[in-house]
Amino acid sequence: MNARTPSEIRDAAIERYNSVAAPKFDAGQKEHGGNLDFRVQWEDLEYEVIDLWYYIQSMKRKCSLLAEENEALRRECGKLRASLKGED
């Protein structure tokens, strides 16, 4: 993974937001209707936070499993390199 500058991190995040925010909002308006300024309730925010919690937990698990798999593959590559060099 290449290191990014703070400006690159910011610009990539803003670019991603700009590409998904309007379509997501429009889809939500179609699904739920009404003016969000008047329709929004505290319960809506609670439900969004709950959804976010589950997304975070699943992403943590996914990253952990991928890190374990990556480590196992690195060990295997090390063994293969050693055998190719005749070091086993």
PDB file of N, CA and C in Angstrom:
ATOM      1  N   MET A   1       0.854  -1.172   0.000  1.00  0.00           N
ATOM      2  CA  MET A   1       0.000   0.000   0.000  1.00  0.00           C
ATOM      3  C   MET A   1       0.898   1.232   0.000  1.00  0.00           C
ATOM      4  N   ASN A   2       0.607   2.139  -0.884  1.00  0.00           N
ATOM      5  CA  ASN A   2       1.388   3.373  -0.974  1.00  0.00           C
ATOM      6  C   ASN A   2       0.922   4.362   0.080  1.00  0.00           C
ATOM      7  N   ALA A   3       1.879   5.056   0.680  1.00  0.00           N
ATOM      8  CA  ALA A   3       1.541   6.094   1.648  1.00  0.00           C
ATOM      9  C   ALA A   3       0.984   7.300   0.897  1.00  0.00           C
ATOM     10  N   ARG A   4      -0.079   7.870   1.459  1.00  0.00           N
ATOM     11  CA  ARG A   4      -0.684   9.055   0.850  1.00  0.00           C
ATOM     12  C   ARG A   4      -0.402  10.266   1.722  1.00  0.00           C
ATOM     13  N   THR A   5      -0.346  11.411   1.089  1.00  0.00           N
ATOM     14  CA  THR A   5      -0.197  12.657   1.836  1.00  0.00           C
ATOM     15  C   THR A   5      -1.549  13.015   2.454  1.00  0.00           C
ATOM     16  N   PRO A   6      -1.550  13.867   3.456  1.00  0.00           N
ATOM     17  CA  PRO A   6      -2.835  14.312   4.010  1.00  0.00           C
ATOM     18  C   PRO A   6      -3.757  14.913   2.947  1.00  0.00           C
ATOM     19  N   SER A   7      -3.193  15.669   2.023  1.00  0.00           N
ATOM     20  CA  SER A   7      -4.010  16.260   0.957  1.00  0.00           C
ATOM     21  C   SER A   7      -4.627  15.188   0.059  1.00  0.00           C
ATOM     22  N   GLU A   8      -3.864  14.152  -0.236  1.00  0.00           N
ATOM     23  CA  GLU A   8      -4.393  13.061  -1.056  1.00  0.00           C
ATOM     24  C   GLU A   8      -5.516  12.310  -0.336  1.00  0.00           C
ATOM     25  N   ILE A   9      -5.342  12.102   0.963  1.00  0.00           N
ATOM     26  CA  ILE A   9      -6.385  11.447   1.760  1.00  0.00           C
ATOM     27  C   ILE A   9      -7.659  12.283   1.723  1.00  0.00           C
ATOM     28  N   ARG A  10      -7.511  13.579   1.983  1.00  0.00           N
ATOM     29  CA  ARG A  10      -8.654  14.493   1.964  1.00  0.00           C
ATOM     30  C   ARG A  10      -9.331  14.504   0.603  1.00  0.00           C
ATOM     31  N   ASP A  11      -8.540  14.678  -0.448  1.00  0.00           N
ATOM     32  CA  ASP A  11      -9.109  14.791  -1.787  1.00  0.00           C
ATOM     33  C   ASP A  11      -9.824  13.517  -2.220  1.00  0.00           C
ATOM     34  N   ALA A  12      -9.257  12.361  -1.881  1.00  0.00           N
ATOM     35  CA  ALA A  12      -9.903  11.087  -2.235  1.00  0.00           C
ATOM     36  C   ALA A  12     -11.223  10.927  -1.481  1.00  0.00           C
ATOM     37  N   ALA A  13     -11.229  11.306  -0.215  1.00  0.00           N
ATOM     38  CA  ALA A  13     -12.459  11.196   0.582  1.00  0.00           C
ATOM     39  C   ALA A  13     -13.541  12.132   0.047  1.00  0.00           C
ATOM     40  N   ILE A  14     -13.167  13.340  -0.296  1.00  0.00           N
ATOM     41  CA  ILE A  14     -14.135  14.301  -0.837  1.00  0.00           C
ATOM     42  C   ILE A  14     -14.638  13.846  -2.201  1.00  0.00           C
ATOM     43  N   GLU A  15     -13.735  13.332  -3.028  1.00  0.00           N
ATOM     44  CA  GLU A  15     -14.140  12.837  -4.350  1.00  0.00           C
ATOM     45  C   GLU A  15     -15.145  11.687  -4.212  1.00  0.00           C
ATOM     46  N   ARG A  16     -14.863  10.766  -3.302  1.00  0.00           N
ATOM     47  CA  ARG A  16     -15.779   9.639  -3.078  1.00  0.00           C
ATOM     48  C   ARG A  16     -17.129  10.144  -2.575  1.00  0.00           C
ATOM     49  N   TYR A  17     -17.111  11.056  -1.607  1.00  0.00           N
ATOM     50  CA  TYR A  17     -18.356  11.613  -1.078  1.00  0.00           C
ATOM     51  C   TYR A  17     -19.174  12.255  -2.196  1.00  0.00           C
ATOM     52  N   ASN A  18     -18.506  13.057  -2.997  1.00  0.00           N
ATOM     53  CA  ASN A  18     -19.215  13.753  -4.076  1.00  0.00           C
ATOM     54  C   ASN A  18     -19.803  12.789  -5.102  1.00  0.00           C
ATOM     55  N   SER A  19     -19.177  11.639  -5.276  1.00  0.00           N
ATOM     56  CA  SER A  19     -19.689  10.693  -6.262  1.00  0.00           C
ATOM     57  C   SER A  19     -20.864   9.868  -5.747  1.00  0.00           C
ATOM     58  N   VAL A  20     -20.989   9.705  -4.421  1.00  0.00           N
ATOM     59  CA  VAL A  20     -22.056   8.843  -3.898  1.00  0.00           C
ATOM     60  C   VAL A  20     -23.142   9.576  -3.118  1.00  0.00           C
ATOM     61  N   ALA A  21     -22.856  10.759  -2.612  1.00  0.00           N
ATOM     62  CA  ALA A  21     -23.798  11.428  -1.703  1.00  0.00           C
ATOM     63  C   ALA A  21     -25.111  11.799  -2.378  1.00  0.00           C
ATOM     64  N   ALA A  22     -25.058  12.450  -3.519  1.00  0.00           N
ATOM     65  CA  ALA A  22     -26.298  12.890  -4.170  1.00  0.00           C
ATOM     66  C   ALA A  22     -27.164  11.715  -4.607  1.00  0.00           C
ATOM     67  N   PRO A  23     -26.602  10.686  -5.274  1.00  0.00           N
ATOM     68  CA  PRO A  23     -27.451   9.549  -5.644  1.00  0.00           C
ATOM     69  C   PRO A  23     -28.047   8.831  -4.432  1.00  0.00           C
ATOM     70  N   LYS A  24     -27.265   8.714  -3.352  1.00  0.00           N
ATOM     71  CA  LYS A  24     -27.784   8.065  -2.134  1.00  0.00           C
ATOM     72  C   LYS A  24     -28.928   8.883  -1.550  1.00  0.00           C
ATOM     73  N   PHE A  25     -28.755  10.179  -1.474  1.00  0.00           N
ATOM     74  CA  PHE A  25     -29.807  11.047  -0.953  1.00  0.00           C
ATOM     75  C   PHE A  25     -31.066  10.941  -1.813  1.00  0.00           C
ATOM     76  N   ASP A  26     -30.889  11.005  -3.124  1.00  0.00           N
ATOM     77  CA  ASP A  26     -32.033  10.928  -4.040  1.00  0.00           C
ATOM     78  C   ASP A  26     -32.766   9.602  -3.904  1.00  0.00           C
ATOM     79  N   ALA A  27     -32.014   8.503  -3.759  1.00  0.00           N
ATOM     80  CA  ALA A  27     -32.648   7.192  -3.572  1.00  0.00           C
ATOM     81  C   ALA A  27     -33.441   7.160  -2.270  1.00  0.00           C
ATOM     82  N   GLY A  28     -32.884   7.759  -1.217  1.00  0.00           N
ATOM     83  CA  GLY A  28     -33.593   7.833   0.060  1.00  0.00           C
ATOM     84  C   GLY A  28     -34.855   8.668  -0.038  1.00  0.00           C
ATOM     85  N   GLN A  29     -34.793   9.747  -0.792  1.00  0.00           N
ATOM     86  CA  GLN A  29     -35.982  10.581  -0.991  1.00  0.00           C
ATOM     87  C   GLN A  29     -37.072   9.800  -1.721  1.00  0.00           C
ATOM     88  N   LYS A  30     -36.658   9.023  -2.733  1.00  0.00           N
ATOM     89  CA  LYS A  30     -37.644   8.209  -3.458  1.00  0.00           C
ATOM     90  C   LYS A  30     -38.270   7.171  -2.534  1.00  0.00           C
ATOM     91  N   GLU A  31     -37.421   6.543  -1.709  1.00  0.00           N
ATOM     92  CA  GLU A  31     -37.897   5.480  -0.830  1.00  0.00           C
ATOM     93  C   GLU A  31     -38.782   6.018   0.294  1.00  0.00           C
ATOM     94  N   HIS A  32     -38.354   7.106   0.924  1.00  0.00           N
ATOM     95  CA  HIS A  32     -39.043   7.593   2.121  1.00  0.00           C
ATOM     96  C   HIS A  32     -39.936   8.801   1.865  1.00  0.00           C
ATOM     97  N   GLY A  33     -39.612   9.578   0.827  1.00  0.00           N
ATOM     98  CA  GLY A  33     -40.417  10.754   0.504  1.00  0.00           C
ATOM     99  C   GLY A  33     -40.335  11.844   1.552  1.00  0.00           C
ATOM    100  N   GLY A  34     -41.017  12.927   1.282  1.00  0.00           N
ATOM    101  CA  GLY A  34     -41.089  14.039   2.224  1.00  0.00           C
ATOM    102  C   GLY A  34     -39.808  14.848   2.290  1.00  0.00           C
ATOM    103  N   ASN A  35     -39.886  15.953   2.971  1.00  0.00           N
ATOM    104  CA  ASN A  35     -38.738  16.828   3.167  1.00  0.00           C
ATOM    105  C   ASN A  35     -38.000  16.340   4.408  1.00  0.00           C
ATOM    106  N   LEU A  36     -36.753  15.951   4.235  1.00  0.00           N
ATOM    107  CA  LEU A  36     -35.970  15.404   5.337  1.00  0.00           C
ATOM    108  C   LEU A  36     -35.906  16.359   6.524  1.00  0.00           C
ATOM    109  N   ASP A  37     -35.852  17.666   6.254  1.00  0.00           N
ATOM    110  CA  ASP A  37     -35.799  18.641   7.347  1.00  0.00           C
ATOM    111  C   ASP A  37     -37.004  18.513   8.274  1.00  0.00           C
ATOM    112  N   PHE A  38     -38.127  18.106   7.730  1.00  0.00           N
ATOM    113  CA  PHE A  38     -39.344  17.987   8.525  1.00  0.00           C
ATOM    114  C   PHE A  38     -39.628  16.551   8.951  1.00  0.00           C
ATOM    115  N   ARG A  39     -39.178  15.580   8.162  1.00  0.00           N
ATOM    116  CA  ARG A  39     -39.505  14.185   8.404  1.00  0.00           C
ATOM    117  C   ARG A  39     -38.592  13.507   9.422  1.00  0.00           C
ATOM    118  N   VAL A  40     -37.328  13.906   9.497  1.00  0.00           N
ATOM    119  CA  VAL A  40     -36.337  13.204  10.315  1.00  0.00           C
ATOM    120  C   VAL A  40     -36.758  13.156  11.786  1.00  0.00           C
ATOM    121  N   GLN A  41     -36.511  11.998  12.388  1.00  0.00           N
ATOM    122  CA  GLN A  41     -36.820  11.768  13.806  1.00  0.00           C
ATOM    123  C   GLN A  41     -35.555  11.235  14.495  1.00  0.00           C
ATOM    124  N   TRP A  42     -35.485  11.397  15.811  1.00  0.00           N
ATOM    125  CA  TRP A  42     -34.353  10.851  16.557  1.00  0.00           C
ATOM    126  C   TRP A  42     -34.218   9.349  16.329  1.00  0.00           C
ATOM    127  N   GLU A  43     -35.357   8.674  16.234  1.00  0.00           N
ATOM    128  CA  GLU A  43     -35.342   7.224  16.012  1.00  0.00           C
ATOM    129  C   GLU A  43     -34.613   6.876  14.710  1.00  0.00           C
ATOM    130  N   ASP A  44     -34.766   7.721  13.680  1.00  0.00           N
ATOM    131  CA  ASP A  44     -34.052   7.487  12.422  1.00  0.00           C
ATOM    132  C   ASP A  44     -32.548   7.455  12.659  1.00  0.00           C
ATOM    133  N   LEU A  45     -32.072   8.405  13.453  1.00  0.00           N
ATOM    134  CA  LEU A  45     -30.640   8.467  13.749  1.00  0.00           C
ATOM    135  C   LEU A  45     -30.198   7.260  14.563  1.00  0.00           C
ATOM    136  N   GLU A  46     -31.019   6.851  15.520  1.00  0.00           N
ATOM    137  CA  GLU A  46     -30.682   5.671  16.310  1.00  0.00           C
ATOM    138  C   GLU A  46     -30.537   4.444  15.412  1.00  0.00           C
ATOM    139  N   TYR A  47     -31.464   4.273  14.486  1.00  0.00           N
ATOM    140  CA  TYR A  47     -31.407   3.119  13.582  1.00  0.00           C
ATOM    141  C   TYR A  47     -30.189   3.178  12.674  1.00  0.00           C
ATOM    142  N   GLU A  48     -29.831   4.369  12.212  1.00  0.00           N
ATOM    143  CA  GLU A  48     -28.640   4.509  11.375  1.00  0.00           C
ATOM    144  C   GLU A  48     -27.380   4.145  12.157  1.00  0.00           C
ATOM    145  N   VAL A  49     -27.324   4.559  13.420  1.00  0.00           N
ATOM    146  CA  VAL A  49     -26.172   4.229  14.266  1.00  0.00           C
ATOM    147  C   VAL A  49     -26.101   2.720  14.493  1.00  0.00           C
ATOM    148  N   ILE A  50     -27.238   2.091  14.697  1.00  0.00           N
ATOM    149  CA  ILE A  50     -27.261   0.635  14.878  1.00  0.00           C
ATOM    150  C   ILE A  50     -26.747  -0.052  13.614  1.00  0.00           C
ATOM    151  N   ASP A  51     -27.227   0.377  12.445  1.00  0.00           N
ATOM    152  CA  ASP A  51     -26.733  -0.188  11.188  1.00  0.00           C
ATOM    153  C   ASP A  51     -25.224  -0.002  11.081  1.00  0.00           C
ATOM    154  N   LEU A  52     -24.754   1.194  11.397  1.00  0.00           N
ATOM    155  CA  LEU A  52     -23.330   1.484  11.320  1.00  0.00           C
ATOM    156  C   LEU A  52     -22.547   0.553  12.242  1.00  0.00           C
ATOM    157  N   TRP A  53     -23.051   0.302  13.443  1.00  0.00           N
ATOM    158  CA  TRP A  53     -22.393  -0.603  14.393  1.00  0.00           C
ATOM    159  C   TRP A  53     -22.189  -1.978  13.761  1.00  0.00           C
ATOM    160  N   TYR A  54     -23.236  -2.517  13.148  1.00  0.00           N
ATOM    161  CA  TYR A  54     -23.123  -3.832  12.532  1.00  0.00           C
ATOM    162  C   TYR A  54     -22.150  -3.824  11.354  1.00  0.00           C
ATOM    163  N   TYR A  55     -22.171  -2.772  10.570  1.00  0.00           N
ATOM    164  CA  TYR A  55     -21.216  -2.654   9.465  1.00  0.00           C
ATOM    165  C   TYR A  55     -19.783  -2.663  10.002  1.00  0.00           C
ATOM    166  N   ILE A  56     -19.544  -1.903  11.062  1.00  0.00           N
ATOM    167  CA  ILE A  56     -18.204  -1.829  11.655  1.00  0.00           C
ATOM    168  C   ILE A  56     -17.765  -3.192  12.166  1.00  0.00           C
ATOM    169  N   GLN A  57     -18.648  -3.893  12.867  1.00  0.00           N
ATOM    170  CA  GLN A  57     -18.289  -5.198  13.411  1.00  0.00           C
ATOM    171  C   GLN A  57     -17.973  -6.200  12.303  1.00  0.00           C
ATOM    172  N   SER A  58     -18.771  -6.190  11.251  1.00  0.00           N
ATOM    173  CA  SER A  58     -18.521  -7.103  10.137  1.00  0.00           C
ATOM    174  C   SER A  58     -17.231  -6.744   9.404  1.00  0.00           C
ATOM    175  N   MET A  59     -16.961  -5.456   9.236  1.00  0.00           N
ATOM    176  CA  MET A  59     -15.727  -5.041   8.566  1.00  0.00           C
ATOM    177  C   MET A  59     -14.509  -5.405   9.418  1.00  0.00           C
ATOM    178  N   LYS A  60     -14.607  -5.249  10.737  1.00  0.00           N
ATOM    179  CA  LYS A  60     -13.502  -5.650  11.613  1.00  0.00           C
ATOM    180  C   LYS A  60     -13.217  -7.140  11.458  1.00  0.00           C
ATOM    181  N   ARG A  61     -14.270  -7.955  11.443  1.00  0.00           N
ATOM    182  CA  ARG A  61     -14.098  -9.399  11.297  1.00  0.00           C
ATOM    183  C   ARG A  61     -13.488  -9.729   9.936  1.00  0.00           C
ATOM    184  N   LYS A  62     -14.006  -9.101   8.908  1.00  0.00           N
ATOM    185  CA  LYS A  62     -13.487  -9.338   7.552  1.00  0.00           C
ATOM    186  C   LYS A  62     -12.002  -8.990   7.481  1.00  0.00           C
ATOM    187  N   CYS A  63     -11.618  -7.834   8.023  1.00  0.00           N
ATOM    188  CA  CYS A  63     -10.214  -7.410   7.996  1.00  0.00           C
ATOM    189  C   CYS A  63      -9.336  -8.362   8.808  1.00  0.00           C
ATOM    190  N   SER A  64      -9.844  -8.812   9.929  1.00  0.00           N
ATOM    191  CA  SER A  64      -9.094  -9.749  10.763  1.00  0.00           C
ATOM    192  C   SER A  64      -8.864 -11.067  10.027  1.00  0.00           C
ATOM    193  N   LEU A  65      -9.913 -11.590   9.389  1.00  0.00           N
ATOM    194  CA  LEU A  65      -9.765 -12.834   8.631  1.00  0.00           C
ATOM    195  C   LEU A  65      -8.803 -12.669   7.467  1.00  0.00           C
ATOM    196  N   LEU A  66      -8.890 -11.536   6.782  1.00  0.00           N
ATOM    197  CA  LEU A  66      -7.973 -11.282   5.669  1.00  0.00           C
ATOM    198  C   LEU A  66      -6.535 -11.130   6.157  1.00  0.00           C
ATOM    199  N   ALA A  67      -6.335 -10.513   7.319  1.00  0.00           N
ATOM    200  CA  ALA A  67      -4.989 -10.364   7.872  1.00  0.00           C
ATOM    201  C   ALA A  67      -4.412 -11.730   8.234  1.00  0.00           C
ATOM    202  N   GLU A  68      -5.244 -12.604   8.797  1.00  0.00           N
ATOM    203  CA  GLU A  68      -4.794 -13.959   9.117  1.00  0.00           C
ATOM    204  C   GLU A  68      -4.423 -14.716   7.852  1.00  0.00           C
ATOM    205  N   GLU A  69      -5.263 -14.605   6.836  1.00  0.00           N
ATOM    206  CA  GLU A  69      -4.988 -15.270   5.566  1.00  0.00           C
ATOM    207  C   GLU A  69      -3.707 -14.725   4.941  1.00  0.00           C
ATOM    208  N   ASN A  70      -3.531 -13.418   5.000  1.00  0.00           N
ATOM    209  CA  ASN A  70      -2.333 -12.791   4.451  1.00  0.00           C
ATOM    210  C   ASN A  70      -1.092 -13.314   5.164  1.00  0.00           C
ATOM    211  N   GLU A  71      -1.150 -13.396   6.475  1.00  0.00           N
ATOM    212  CA  GLU A  71      -0.006 -13.879   7.248  1.00  0.00           C
ATOM    213  C   GLU A  71       0.313 -15.330   6.897  1.00  0.00           C
ATOM    214  N   ALA A  72      -0.712 -16.166   6.757  1.00  0.00           N
ATOM    215  CA  ALA A  72      -0.493 -17.569   6.382  1.00  0.00           C
ATOM    216  C   ALA A  72       0.141 -17.660   4.993  1.00  0.00           C
ATOM    217  N   LEU A  73      -0.331 -16.848   4.071  1.00  0.00           N
ATOM    218  CA  LEU A  73       0.241 -16.855   2.721  1.00  0.00           C
ATOM    219  C   LEU A  73       1.690 -16.368   2.726  1.00  0.00           C
ATOM    220  N   ARG A  74       1.982 -15.377   3.552  1.00  0.00           N
ATOM    221  CA  ARG A  74       3.360 -14.897   3.652  1.00  0.00           C
ATOM    222  C   ARG A  74       4.287 -15.977   4.200  1.00  0.00           C
ATOM    223  N   ARG A  75       3.798 -16.708   5.211  1.00  0.00           N
ATOM    224  CA  ARG A  75       4.600 -17.808   5.749  1.00  0.00           C
ATOM    225  C   ARG A  75       4.851 -18.862   4.664  1.00  0.00           C
ATOM    226  N   GLU A  76       3.801 -19.202   3.927  1.00  0.00           N
ATOM    227  CA  GLU A  76       3.928 -20.184   2.851  1.00  0.00           C
ATOM    228  C   GLU A  76       4.911 -19.705   1.774  1.00  0.00           C
ATOM    229  N   CYS A  77       4.834 -18.445   1.410  1.00  0.00           N
ATOM    230  CA  CYS A  77       5.781 -17.887   0.432  1.00  0.00           C
ATOM    231  C   CYS A  77       7.207 -17.977   0.951  1.00  0.00           C
ATOM    232  N   GLY A  78       7.389 -17.699   2.237  1.00  0.00           N
ATOM    233  CA  GLY A  78       8.722 -17.810   2.839  1.00  0.00           C
ATOM    234  C   GLY A  78       9.264 -19.223   2.747  1.00  0.00           C
ATOM    235  N   LYS A  79       8.399 -20.192   3.028  1.00  0.00           N
ATOM    236  CA  LYS A  79       8.807 -21.596   2.924  1.00  0.00           C
ATOM    237  C   LYS A  79       9.166 -21.963   1.484  1.00  0.00           C
ATOM    238  N   LEU A  80       8.364 -21.512   0.542  1.00  0.00           N
ATOM    239  CA  LEU A  80       8.622 -21.809  -0.863  1.00  0.00           C
ATOM    240  C   LEU A  80       9.930 -21.168  -1.327  1.00  0.00           C
ATOM    241  N   ARG A  81      10.191 -19.933  -0.896  1.00  0.00           N
ATOM    242  CA  ARG A  81      11.442 -19.257  -1.262  1.00  0.00           C
ATOM    243  C   ARG A  81      12.633 -20.046  -0.703  1.00  0.00           C
ATOM    244  N   ALA A  82      12.469 -20.445   0.559  1.00  0.00           N
ATOM    245  CA  ALA A  82      13.566 -21.204   1.188  1.00  0.00           C
ATOM    246  C   ALA A  82      13.812 -22.520   0.466  1.00  0.00           C
ATOM    247  N   SER A  83      12.748 -23.210   0.065  1.00  0.00           N
ATOM    248  CA  SER A  83      12.941 -24.490  -0.638  1.00  0.00           C
ATOM    249  C   SER A  83      13.553 -24.284  -2.010  1.00  0.00           C
ATOM    250  N   LEU A  84      13.214 -23.193  -2.659  1.00  0.00           N
ATOM    251  CA  LEU A  84      13.815 -22.904  -3.975  1.00  0.00           C
ATOM    252  C   LEU A  84      15.312 -22.608  -3.845  1.00  0.00           C
ATOM    253  N   LYS A  85      15.678 -22.034  -2.711  1.00  0.00           N
ATOM    254  CA  LYS A  85      17.103 -21.736  -2.483  1.00  0.00           C
ATOM    255  C   LYS A  85      17.841 -22.945  -1.905  1.00  0.00           C
ATOM    256  N   GLY A  86      17.090 -24.015  -1.616  1.00  0.00           N
ATOM    257  CA  GLY A  86      17.691 -25.203  -1.049  1.00  0.00           C
ATOM    258  C   GLY A  86      18.001 -25.078   0.424  1.00  0.00           C
ATOM    259  N   GLU A  87      17.219 -24.226   1.123  1.00  0.00           N
ATOM    260  CA  GLU A  87      17.473 -23.983   2.538  1.00  0.00           C
ATOM    261  C   GLU A  87      16.573 -24.809   3.455  1.00  0.00           C
ATOM    262  N   ASP A  88      15.834 -25.757   2.915  1.00  0.00           N
ATOM    263  CA  ASP A  88      14.925 -26.508   3.790  1.00  0.00           C
ATOM    264  C   ASP A  88      15.529 -27.713   4.405  1.00  0.00           C
TER     265      ASP A  88
END
